[in-house]
Amino acid sequence: MMGKKILITGIGNTGKSTLRRKFVEECRNQGVQASHFDADNFKQIRHEADRDCLSEFADPYACEMLIVEDVHATVRGAVLTLDAYDHILYVQVANVFSHFLFWLPRAWRWFQNGQFAWDQKTGWAGTGVRYDPHNIIPILSELLSNFQNAKKWIAEDMETLKPYKNKTIFIRSFWTRKGPDFRY
């Protein structure tokens, strides 16, 4: 049986993981055998809904639906080529205010943990010391870089996705009091 492959991508902190978790839950509620994979390869469980998130990339044909979250899918180091997906969900924050609100909890969590800017190849940046003031400037620098480059990165992604316009769905993410919300 050939399984469907769904990609969830987008630049930076836009709610991709939340969308992946909600999508997997909805598929399963509809009786679809869905597996999910986060290409960032986090070694720890970040959310209860990730307990069954595949720890290694699996055979995409081993289930009815494989949902892959891959922030690098449009640039480099993707787990599958864009051609390989049946559908591409591109998540983009709706406005600057929402983008800022998406980043606030992450920046605070980074400061609490003393680690920030996860990279699959190099791991975490930071001193590793909880609440270390030495991490404040680098964390702010990381946030500023993301805000400054967002439009450029999104434009590059749009160019990359042009050949796949028939299978790409653009999703706007908003920050609400209850967390991320998505609109198509």
C-alpha atoms as a PDB file:
ATOM      1  CA  MET A   1       0.000   0.000   0.000  1.00  0.00           C
ATOM      2  CA  MET A   2       1.318   3.443  -0.855  1.00  0.00           C
ATOM      3  CA  GLY A   3       0.955   5.832   2.032  1.00  0.00           C
ATOM      4  CA  LYS A   4       0.275   9.528   1.663  1.00  0.00           C
ATOM      5  CA  LYS A   5       3.135  11.812   2.587  1.00  0.00           C
ATOM      6  CA  ILE A   6       2.331  15.242   3.995  1.00  0.00           C
ATOM      7  CA  LEU A   7       4.992  17.881   4.597  1.00  0.00           C
ATOM      8  CA  ILE A   8       4.587  20.659   7.157  1.00  0.00           C
ATOM      9  CA  THR A   9       7.167  23.396   6.661  1.00  0.00           C
ATOM     10  CA  GLY A  10       7.719  27.135   7.012  1.00  0.00           C
ATOM     11  CA  ILE A  11      10.407  29.430   8.357  1.00  0.00           C
ATOM     12  CA  GLY A  12      11.167  29.755  12.042  1.00  0.00           C
ATOM     13  CA  ASN A  13       8.793  29.588  14.947  1.00  0.00           C
ATOM     14  CA  THR A  14       5.322  29.551  13.374  1.00  0.00           C
ATOM     15  CA  GLY A  15       3.460  26.737  15.133  1.00  0.00           C
ATOM     16  CA  LYS A  16       4.505  23.912  12.796  1.00  0.00           C
ATOM     17  CA  SER A  17       4.828  21.372  15.625  1.00  0.00           C
ATOM     18  CA  THR A  18       1.419  22.288  17.015  1.00  0.00           C
ATOM     19  CA  LEU A  19      -0.109  21.925  13.549  1.00  0.00           C
ATOM     20  CA  ARG A  20       1.609  18.532  13.110  1.00  0.00           C
ATOM     21  CA  ARG A  21       0.259  17.298  16.438  1.00  0.00           C
ATOM     22  CA  LYS A  22      -3.277  18.552  15.709  1.00  0.00           C
ATOM     23  CA  PHE A  23      -3.202  17.083  12.198  1.00  0.00           C
ATOM     24  CA  VAL A  24      -2.053  13.678  13.457  1.00  0.00           C
ATOM     25  CA  GLU A  25      -4.752  13.694  16.140  1.00  0.00           C
ATOM     26  CA  GLU A  26      -7.466  14.618  13.631  1.00  0.00           C
ATOM     27  CA  CYS A  27      -6.321  11.936  11.163  1.00  0.00           C
ATOM     28  CA  ARG A  28      -6.413   9.306  13.889  1.00  0.00           C
ATOM     29  CA  ASN A  29      -9.834  10.488  15.050  1.00  0.00           C
ATOM     30  CA  GLN A  30     -11.006   9.898  11.462  1.00  0.00           C
ATOM     31  CA  GLY A  31      -9.610   6.336  11.552  1.00  0.00           C
ATOM     32  CA  VAL A  32      -6.513   7.036   9.451  1.00  0.00           C
ATOM     33  CA  GLN A  33      -3.335   5.239  10.490  1.00  0.00           C
ATOM     34  CA  ALA A  34      -1.016   8.255  10.758  1.00  0.00           C
ATOM     35  CA  SER A  35       2.627   8.404  11.795  1.00  0.00           C
ATOM     36  CA  HIS A  36       4.599  11.580  12.311  1.00  0.00           C
ATOM     37  CA  PHE A  37       8.231  12.635  12.238  1.00  0.00           C
ATOM     38  CA  ASP A  38      10.000  15.852  13.255  1.00  0.00           C
ATOM     39  CA  ALA A  39      13.108  16.288  11.106  1.00  0.00           C
ATOM     40  CA  ASP A  40      14.769  18.397  13.824  1.00  0.00           C
ATOM     41  CA  ASN A  41      15.521  15.073  15.551  1.00  0.00           C
ATOM     42  CA  PHE A  42      14.976  16.289  19.097  1.00  0.00           C
ATOM     43  CA  LYS A  43      16.228  13.674  21.549  1.00  0.00           C
ATOM     44  CA  GLN A  44      13.777  14.567  24.306  1.00  0.00           C
ATOM     45  CA  ILE A  45       9.984  14.523  24.299  1.00  0.00           C
ATOM     46  CA  ARG A  46       8.873  18.161  24.001  1.00  0.00           C
ATOM     47  CA  HIS A  47       5.133  17.534  24.210  1.00  0.00           C
ATOM     48  CA  GLU A  48       2.942  14.640  25.341  1.00  0.00           C
ATOM     49  CA  ALA A  49       1.574  14.276  21.786  1.00  0.00           C
ATOM     50  CA  ASP A  50       5.137  13.551  20.603  1.00  0.00           C
ATOM     51  CA  ARG A  51       5.450  10.315  22.605  1.00  0.00           C
ATOM     52  CA  ASP A  52       4.837   8.275  19.459  1.00  0.00           C
ATOM     53  CA  CYS A  53       6.616  10.677  17.106  1.00  0.00           C
ATOM     54  CA  LEU A  54       9.046   8.544  15.130  1.00  0.00           C
ATOM     55  CA  SER A  55      12.602   8.904  16.410  1.00  0.00           C
ATOM     56  CA  GLU A  56      14.054   7.894  13.057  1.00  0.00           C
ATOM     57  CA  PHE A  57      12.750   8.585   9.598  1.00  0.00           C
ATOM     58  CA  ALA A  58      10.630   5.616   8.612  1.00  0.00           C
ATOM     59  CA  ASP A  59       9.628   3.946   5.404  1.00  0.00           C
ATOM     60  CA  PRO A  60       7.078   6.425   4.047  1.00  0.00           C
ATOM     61  CA  TYR A  61       4.994   3.525   2.733  1.00  0.00           C
ATOM     62  CA  ALA A  62       4.678   1.723   6.078  1.00  0.00           C
ATOM     63  CA  CYS A  63       1.527   3.589   7.118  1.00  0.00           C
ATOM     64  CA  GLU A  64      -1.540   5.160   5.547  1.00  0.00           C
ATOM     65  CA  MET A  65      -0.213   8.640   6.172  1.00  0.00           C
ATOM     66  CA  LEU A  66       3.194   9.976   7.149  1.00  0.00           C
ATOM     67  CA  ILE A  67       3.243  13.577   8.370  1.00  0.00           C
ATOM     68  CA  VAL A  68       6.709  15.108   8.273  1.00  0.00           C
ATOM     69  CA  GLU A  69       7.625  18.407   9.899  1.00  0.00           C
ATOM     70  CA  ASP A  70      10.781  19.662   8.189  1.00  0.00           C
ATOM     71  CA  VAL A  71      11.817  23.299   8.493  1.00  0.00           C
ATOM     72  CA  HIS A  72      14.632  22.674   5.991  1.00  0.00           C
ATOM     73  CA  ALA A  73      12.463  21.040   3.333  1.00  0.00           C
ATOM     74  CA  THR A  74      12.780  23.991   0.951  1.00  0.00           C
ATOM     75  CA  VAL A  75      16.471  24.736   1.451  1.00  0.00           C
ATOM     76  CA  ARG A  76      18.885  22.003   2.460  1.00  0.00           C
ATOM     77  CA  GLY A  77      19.109  18.757   4.340  1.00  0.00           C
ATOM     78  CA  ALA A  78      15.509  17.715   3.750  1.00  0.00           C
ATOM     79  CA  VAL A  79      14.503  14.171   4.670  1.00  0.00           C
ATOM     80  CA  LEU A  80      12.598  13.876   1.369  1.00  0.00           C
ATOM     81  CA  THR A  81      12.546  15.970  -1.774  1.00  0.00           C
ATOM     82  CA  LEU A  82       9.512  18.179  -2.334  1.00  0.00           C
ATOM     83  CA  ASP A  83       8.579  15.921  -5.266  1.00  0.00           C
ATOM     84  CA  ALA A  84       8.105  13.014  -2.862  1.00  0.00           C
ATOM     85  CA  TYR A  85       5.218  14.622  -0.962  1.00  0.00           C
ATOM     86  CA  ASP A  86       1.565  14.330  -1.889  1.00  0.00           C
ATOM     87  CA  HIS A  87       0.753  17.604  -0.132  1.00  0.00           C
ATOM     88  CA  ILE A  88       2.805  20.462   1.296  1.00  0.00           C
ATOM     89  CA  LEU A  89       1.459  22.593   4.144  1.00  0.00           C
ATOM     90  CA  TYR A  90       3.402  25.852   4.361  1.00  0.00           C
ATOM     91  CA  VAL A  91       2.873  27.600   7.701  1.00  0.00           C
ATOM     92  CA  GLN A  92       3.438  31.335   7.884  1.00  0.00           C
ATOM     93  CA  VAL A  93       2.649  33.720  10.743  1.00  0.00           C
ATOM     94  CA  ALA A  94      -0.191  36.064   9.906  1.00  0.00           C
ATOM     95  CA  ASN A  95       1.417  39.244  11.209  1.00  0.00           C
ATOM     96  CA  VAL A  96       4.425  40.662  13.044  1.00  0.00           C
ATOM     97  CA  PHE A  97       2.592  40.759  16.372  1.00  0.00           C
ATOM     98  CA  SER A  98       1.744  37.043  16.159  1.00  0.00           C
ATOM     99  CA  HIS A  99       5.318  36.304  15.124  1.00  0.00           C
ATOM    100  CA  PHE A 100       6.599  38.127  18.206  1.00  0.00           C
ATOM    101  CA  LEU A 101       4.137  36.259  20.443  1.00  0.00           C
ATOM    102  CA  PHE A 102       5.249  32.914  18.991  1.00  0.00           C
ATOM    103  CA  TRP A 103       8.821  33.791  19.900  1.00  0.00           C
ATOM    104  CA  LEU A 104       8.220  35.028  23.470  1.00  0.00           C
ATOM    105  CA  PRO A 105       7.628  31.607  25.110  1.00  0.00           C
ATOM    106  CA  ARG A 106      10.524  30.093  23.193  1.00  0.00           C
ATOM    107  CA  ALA A 107      12.935  32.888  24.164  1.00  0.00           C
ATOM    108  CA  TRP A 108      11.887  32.542  27.794  1.00  0.00           C
ATOM    109  CA  ARG A 109      12.310  28.736  27.654  1.00  0.00           C
ATOM    110  CA  TRP A 110      15.762  29.194  26.106  1.00  0.00           C
ATOM    111  CA  PHE A 111      16.747  31.583  28.910  1.00  0.00           C
ATOM    112  CA  GLN A 112      15.378  29.185  31.544  1.00  0.00           C
ATOM    113  CA  ASN A 113      17.354  26.273  30.091  1.00  0.00           C
ATOM    114  CA  GLY A 114      20.533  28.157  29.211  1.00  0.00           C
ATOM    115  CA  GLN A 115      20.402  26.731  25.682  1.00  0.00           C
ATOM    116  CA  PHE A 116      19.083  28.258  22.481  1.00  0.00           C
ATOM    117  CA  ALA A 117      19.138  28.105  18.678  1.00  0.00           C
ATOM    118  CA  TRP A 118      18.910  24.342  18.165  1.00  0.00           C
ATOM    119  CA  ASP A 119      20.679  23.138  15.040  1.00  0.00           C
ATOM    120  CA  GLN A 120      20.537  19.526  13.923  1.00  0.00           C
ATOM    121  CA  LYS A 121      24.263  19.400  13.125  1.00  0.00           C
ATOM    122  CA  THR A 122      25.743  21.503  15.938  1.00  0.00           C
ATOM    123  CA  GLY A 123      23.160  20.988  18.678  1.00  0.00           C
ATOM    124  CA  TRP A 124      22.360  23.748  21.131  1.00  0.00           C
ATOM    125  CA  ALA A 125      24.077  27.108  21.498  1.00  0.00           C
ATOM    126  CA  GLY A 126      24.356  28.783  24.902  1.00  0.00           C
ATOM    127  CA  THR A 127      26.196  28.316  28.165  1.00  0.00           C
ATOM    128  CA  GLY A 128      23.961  25.498  29.377  1.00  0.00           C
ATOM    129  CA  VAL A 129      23.457  27.376  32.656  1.00  0.00           C
ATOM    130  CA  ARG A 130      19.852  28.111  33.626  1.00  0.00           C
ATOM    131  CA  TYR A 131      18.965  31.829  33.759  1.00  0.00           C
ATOM    132  CA  ASP A 132      22.501  32.805  32.738  1.00  0.00           C
ATOM    133  CA  PRO A 133      22.582  36.522  31.794  1.00  0.00           C
ATOM    134  CA  HIS A 134      25.362  35.704  29.288  1.00  0.00           C
ATOM    135  CA  ASN A 135      22.680  34.102  27.103  1.00  0.00           C
ATOM    136  CA  ILE A 136      20.433  37.186  26.905  1.00  0.00           C
ATOM    137  CA  ILE A 137      22.302  39.042  24.136  1.00  0.00           C
ATOM    138  CA  PRO A 138      22.763  35.932  21.932  1.00  0.00           C
ATOM    139  CA  ILE A 139      19.080  35.010  22.368  1.00  0.00           C
ATOM    140  CA  LEU A 140      18.001  38.532  21.414  1.00  0.00           C
ATOM    141  CA  SER A 141      20.408  38.410  18.474  1.00  0.00           C
ATOM    142  CA  GLU A 142      18.839  35.130  17.310  1.00  0.00           C
ATOM    143  CA  LEU A 143      15.352  36.657  17.533  1.00  0.00           C
ATOM    144  CA  LEU A 144      16.393  39.832  15.725  1.00  0.00           C
ATOM    145  CA  SER A 145      18.051  37.817  12.958  1.00  0.00           C
ATOM    146  CA  ASN A 146      14.879  35.799  12.498  1.00  0.00           C
ATOM    147  CA  PHE A 147      12.711  38.913  12.262  1.00  0.00           C
ATOM    148  CA  GLN A 148      15.118  40.677   9.894  1.00  0.00           C
ATOM    149  CA  ASN A 149      15.425  37.707   7.547  1.00  0.00           C
ATOM    150  CA  ALA A 150      11.842  36.411   7.636  1.00  0.00           C
ATOM    151  CA  LYS A 151      10.613  38.202   4.490  1.00  0.00           C
ATOM    152  CA  LYS A 152      13.683  37.174   2.500  1.00  0.00           C
ATOM    153  CA  TRP A 153      13.460  33.536   3.611  1.00  0.00           C
ATOM    154  CA  ILE A 154       9.731  33.384   2.873  1.00  0.00           C
ATOM    155  CA  ALA A 155      10.298  34.876  -0.601  1.00  0.00           C
ATOM    156  CA  GLU A 156      12.967  32.228  -1.266  1.00  0.00           C
ATOM    157  CA  ASP A 157      10.588  29.500  -0.088  1.00  0.00           C
ATOM    158  CA  MET A 158       7.801  30.837  -2.331  1.00  0.00           C
ATOM    159  CA  GLU A 159      10.146  30.660  -5.310  1.00  0.00           C
ATOM    160  CA  THR A 160      11.149  27.092  -4.409  1.00  0.00           C
ATOM    161  CA  LEU A 161       7.497  26.063  -4.003  1.00  0.00           C
ATOM    162  CA  LYS A 162       6.290  27.525  -7.339  1.00  0.00           C
ATOM    163  CA  PRO A 163       6.609  24.206  -9.209  1.00  0.00           C
ATOM    164  CA  TYR A 164       4.524  22.570  -6.457  1.00  0.00           C
ATOM    165  CA  LYS A 165       1.690  25.117  -6.347  1.00  0.00           C
ATOM    166  CA  ASN A 166      -0.932  22.457  -7.110  1.00  0.00           C
ATOM    167  CA  LYS A 167      -0.085  20.495  -3.993  1.00  0.00           C
ATOM    168  CA  THR A 168       0.828  23.341  -1.631  1.00  0.00           C
ATOM    169  CA  ILE A 169      -1.603  24.732   0.915  1.00  0.00           C
ATOM    170  CA  PHE A 170      -0.645  27.982   2.616  1.00  0.00           C
ATOM    171  CA  ILE A 171      -1.669  28.207   6.245  1.00  0.00           C
ATOM    172  CA  ARG A 172      -1.670  31.356   8.367  1.00  0.00           C
ATOM    173  CA  SER A 173      -0.848  30.920  12.031  1.00  0.00           C
ATOM    174  CA  PHE A 174      -2.063  33.277  14.728  1.00  0.00           C
ATOM    175  CA  TRP A 175      -1.132  33.418  18.385  1.00  0.00           C
ATOM    176  CA  THR A 176      -4.172  33.389  20.658  1.00  0.00           C
ATOM    177  CA  ARG A 177      -4.653  33.162  24.421  1.00  0.00           C
ATOM    178  CA  LYS A 178      -5.135  29.423  23.966  1.00  0.00           C
ATOM    179  CA  GLY A 179      -1.999  29.051  21.850  1.00  0.00           C
ATOM    180  CA  PRO A 180      -1.568  28.748  18.088  1.00  0.00           C
ATOM    181  CA  ASP A 181      -4.570  28.891  15.775  1.00  0.00           C
ATOM    182  CA  PHE A 182      -4.500  28.165  12.051  1.00  0.00           C
ATOM    183  CA  ARG A 183      -6.438  29.414   9.035  1.00  0.00           C
ATOM    184  CA  TYR A 184      -6.305  28.225   5.440  1.00  0.00           C
END
